[in-house]
Amino acid sequence: MTTLFVTEYANALSPPGGVGGIAFPLEPPTAEQTVTIGAGSLQSAAFNNSTRFVRLRADSLCCVSFGKNPTATTGNARMPANSESIVAIPQGQAFKVAVIQIST
């Protein structure tokens, strides 16, 4: 079984001087959850109302989709195996992430 690890954050911090416009999620997270990565699209639980940033870590090659009732397809945003991505999401919108495994 492979897993998409989802870590939710309410705030992010920019380095002094705003170097490169980079912001880093501010620990501790507001919530953490996992979603099994499989042959069919599976959704996370709705994100916490205070969540503004989501860190995704994927065990295997997959595609992800965000929304209130998302369905992931092999045409969505691709995440390589053993990778990490941080995305901003609309706060308080009950968004979820859906994930599906792909083979190549």
C-alpha atoms as a PDB file:
ATOM      1  CA  MET A   1       0.000   0.000   0.000  1.00  0.00           C
ATOM      2  CA  THR A   2       1.315   3.424  -0.918  1.00  0.00           C
ATOM      3  CA  THR A   3       0.294   6.616   0.785  1.00  0.00           C
ATOM      4  CA  LEU A   4      -0.208  10.323   0.198  1.00  0.00           C
ATOM      5  CA  PHE A   5       0.690  12.134   3.426  1.00  0.00           C
ATOM      6  CA  VAL A   6      -1.252  15.385   3.836  1.00  0.00           C
ATOM      7  CA  THR A   7      -0.085  18.020   6.326  1.00  0.00           C
ATOM      8  CA  GLU A   8      -2.213  21.138   6.760  1.00  0.00           C
ATOM      9  CA  TYR A   9      -0.917  24.555   7.839  1.00  0.00           C
ATOM     10  CA  ALA A  10      -2.685  27.784   8.789  1.00  0.00           C
ATOM     11  CA  ASN A  11       0.327  30.071   8.370  1.00  0.00           C
ATOM     12  CA  ALA A  12       3.572  30.455   6.463  1.00  0.00           C
ATOM     13  CA  LEU A  13       6.677  32.438   7.231  1.00  0.00           C
ATOM     14  CA  SER A  14       8.886  34.284   4.742  1.00  0.00           C
ATOM     15  CA  PRO A  15      12.624  34.528   5.377  1.00  0.00           C
ATOM     16  CA  PRO A  16      14.002  37.950   6.343  1.00  0.00           C
ATOM     17  CA  GLY A  17      13.993  40.224   3.332  1.00  0.00           C
ATOM     18  CA  GLY A  18      11.493  37.995   1.507  1.00  0.00           C
ATOM     19  CA  VAL A  19      14.235  36.122  -0.361  1.00  0.00           C
ATOM     20  CA  GLY A  20      12.836  34.917  -3.691  1.00  0.00           C
ATOM     21  CA  GLY A  21       9.244  35.225  -2.485  1.00  0.00           C
ATOM     22  CA  ILE A  22       9.595  31.861  -0.734  1.00  0.00           C
ATOM     23  CA  ALA A  23       7.362  31.093   2.236  1.00  0.00           C
ATOM     24  CA  PHE A  24       7.725  28.140   4.574  1.00  0.00           C
ATOM     25  CA  PRO A  25       4.816  26.489   6.421  1.00  0.00           C
ATOM     26  CA  LEU A  26       4.815  27.420  10.077  1.00  0.00           C
ATOM     27  CA  GLU A  27       4.791  24.452  12.467  1.00  0.00           C
ATOM     28  CA  PRO A  28       2.898  22.976  14.161  1.00  0.00           C
ATOM     29  CA  PRO A  29       0.420  21.840  11.519  1.00  0.00           C
ATOM     30  CA  THR A  30      -3.317  22.368  11.961  1.00  0.00           C
ATOM     31  CA  ALA A  31      -4.013  18.751  10.940  1.00  0.00           C
ATOM     32  CA  GLU A  32      -2.413  15.669   9.405  1.00  0.00           C
ATOM     33  CA  GLN A  33      -4.033  12.853   7.449  1.00  0.00           C
ATOM     34  CA  THR A  34      -3.202  10.133   4.952  1.00  0.00           C
ATOM     35  CA  VAL A  35      -4.889   8.934   1.768  1.00  0.00           C
ATOM     36  CA  THR A  36      -4.189   5.554   0.178  1.00  0.00           C
ATOM     37  CA  ILE A  37      -2.831   5.840  -3.363  1.00  0.00           C
ATOM     38  CA  GLY A  38      -4.546   3.263  -5.553  1.00  0.00           C
ATOM     39  CA  ALA A  39      -5.903   2.473  -9.010  1.00  0.00           C
ATOM     40  CA  GLY A  40      -9.061   4.530  -8.370  1.00  0.00           C
ATOM     41  CA  SER A  41      -9.432   8.121  -7.192  1.00  0.00           C
ATOM     42  CA  LEU A  42      -9.633   8.482  -3.398  1.00  0.00           C
ATOM     43  CA  GLN A  43     -10.287  11.697  -1.438  1.00  0.00           C
ATOM     44  CA  SER A  44      -8.936  13.101   1.777  1.00  0.00           C
ATOM     45  CA  ALA A  45     -11.193  14.407   4.501  1.00  0.00           C
ATOM     46  CA  ALA A  46     -12.125  18.086   4.168  1.00  0.00           C
ATOM     47  CA  PHE A  47      -9.295  20.384   5.222  1.00  0.00           C
ATOM     48  CA  ASN A  48      -9.482  22.215   8.545  1.00  0.00           C
ATOM     49  CA  ASN A  49     -11.249  25.616   8.351  1.00  0.00           C
ATOM     50  CA  SER A  50      -7.994  27.421   9.229  1.00  0.00           C
ATOM     51  CA  THR A  51      -5.853  25.576   6.657  1.00  0.00           C
ATOM     52  CA  ARG A  52      -4.242  27.791   3.986  1.00  0.00           C
ATOM     53  CA  PHE A  53      -1.290  25.621   2.925  1.00  0.00           C
ATOM     54  CA  VAL A  54      -1.032  21.888   2.334  1.00  0.00           C
ATOM     55  CA  ARG A  55       2.148  19.802   2.155  1.00  0.00           C
ATOM     56  CA  LEU A  56       1.787  16.588   0.134  1.00  0.00           C
ATOM     57  CA  ARG A  57       4.273  13.713   0.288  1.00  0.00           C
ATOM     58  CA  ALA A  58       3.740  10.832  -2.133  1.00  0.00           C
ATOM     59  CA  ASP A  59       5.163   7.313  -1.747  1.00  0.00           C
ATOM     60  CA  SER A  60       4.492   6.443  -5.392  1.00  0.00           C
ATOM     61  CA  LEU A  61       3.924   8.105  -8.766  1.00  0.00           C
ATOM     62  CA  CYS A  62       0.460   9.684  -8.671  1.00  0.00           C
ATOM     63  CA  CYS A  63      -1.785  12.512  -9.834  1.00  0.00           C
ATOM     64  CA  VAL A  64      -3.665  14.863  -7.506  1.00  0.00           C
ATOM     65  CA  SER A  65      -6.651  17.177  -7.809  1.00  0.00           C
ATOM     66  CA  PHE A  66      -8.087  19.736  -5.357  1.00  0.00           C
ATOM     67  CA  GLY A  67     -11.662  20.923  -4.820  1.00  0.00           C
ATOM     68  CA  LYS A  68     -14.788  20.486  -2.722  1.00  0.00           C
ATOM     69  CA  ASN A  69     -15.493  17.076  -4.272  1.00  0.00           C
ATOM     70  CA  PRO A  70     -12.436  16.324  -6.466  1.00  0.00           C
ATOM     71  CA  THR A  71     -11.853  13.257  -8.603  1.00  0.00           C
ATOM     72  CA  ALA A  72      -8.236  12.649  -9.568  1.00  0.00           C
ATOM     73  CA  THR A  73      -7.467  11.442 -13.084  1.00  0.00           C
ATOM     74  CA  THR A  74      -4.208  10.590 -14.806  1.00  0.00           C
ATOM     75  CA  GLY A  75      -4.456  13.971 -16.532  1.00  0.00           C
ATOM     76  CA  ASN A  76      -4.195  15.971 -13.297  1.00  0.00           C
ATOM     77  CA  ALA A  77      -1.102  17.409 -11.622  1.00  0.00           C
ATOM     78  CA  ARG A  78       1.565  14.721 -11.440  1.00  0.00           C
ATOM     79  CA  MET A  79       3.666  13.947  -8.368  1.00  0.00           C
ATOM     80  CA  PRO A  80       6.755  11.770  -8.758  1.00  0.00           C
ATOM     81  CA  ALA A  81       7.347   8.944  -6.290  1.00  0.00           C
ATOM     82  CA  ASN A  82       8.986  10.020  -3.032  1.00  0.00           C
ATOM     83  CA  SER A  83       8.319  13.690  -3.732  1.00  0.00           C
ATOM     84  CA  GLU A  84       6.908  16.617  -1.794  1.00  0.00           C
ATOM     85  CA  SER A  85       4.788  19.580  -2.861  1.00  0.00           C
ATOM     86  CA  ILE A  86       3.425  22.554  -0.932  1.00  0.00           C
ATOM     87  CA  VAL A  87       0.344  24.325  -2.270  1.00  0.00           C
ATOM     88  CA  ALA A  88      -1.915  27.154  -1.118  1.00  0.00           C
ATOM     89  CA  ILE A  89      -5.630  26.420  -0.927  1.00  0.00           C
ATOM     90  CA  PRO A  90      -8.675  28.632  -0.292  1.00  0.00           C
ATOM     91  CA  GLN A  91      -9.184  28.922   3.458  1.00  0.00           C
ATOM     92  CA  GLY A  92     -12.501  27.790   4.946  1.00  0.00           C
ATOM     93  CA  GLN A  93     -13.821  26.266   1.704  1.00  0.00           C
ATOM     94  CA  ALA A  94     -13.896  22.608   2.848  1.00  0.00           C
ATOM     95  CA  PHE A  95     -11.444  21.679   0.072  1.00  0.00           C
ATOM     96  CA  LYS A  96     -10.103  18.130  -0.233  1.00  0.00           C
ATOM     97  CA  VAL A  97      -7.370  16.469  -2.268  1.00  0.00           C
ATOM     98  CA  ALA A  98      -8.003  13.422  -4.427  1.00  0.00           C
ATOM     99  CA  VAL A  99      -5.227  11.084  -5.557  1.00  0.00           C
ATOM    100  CA  ILE A 100      -4.837   8.297  -8.108  1.00  0.00           C
ATOM    101  CA  GLN A 101      -1.843   6.086  -8.863  1.00  0.00           C
ATOM    102  CA  ILE A 102      -0.277   6.136 -12.317  1.00  0.00           C
ATOM    103  CA  SER A 103       2.215   3.744 -13.833  1.00  0.00           C
ATOM    104  CA  THR A 104       4.417   6.022 -15.961  1.00  0.00           C
END
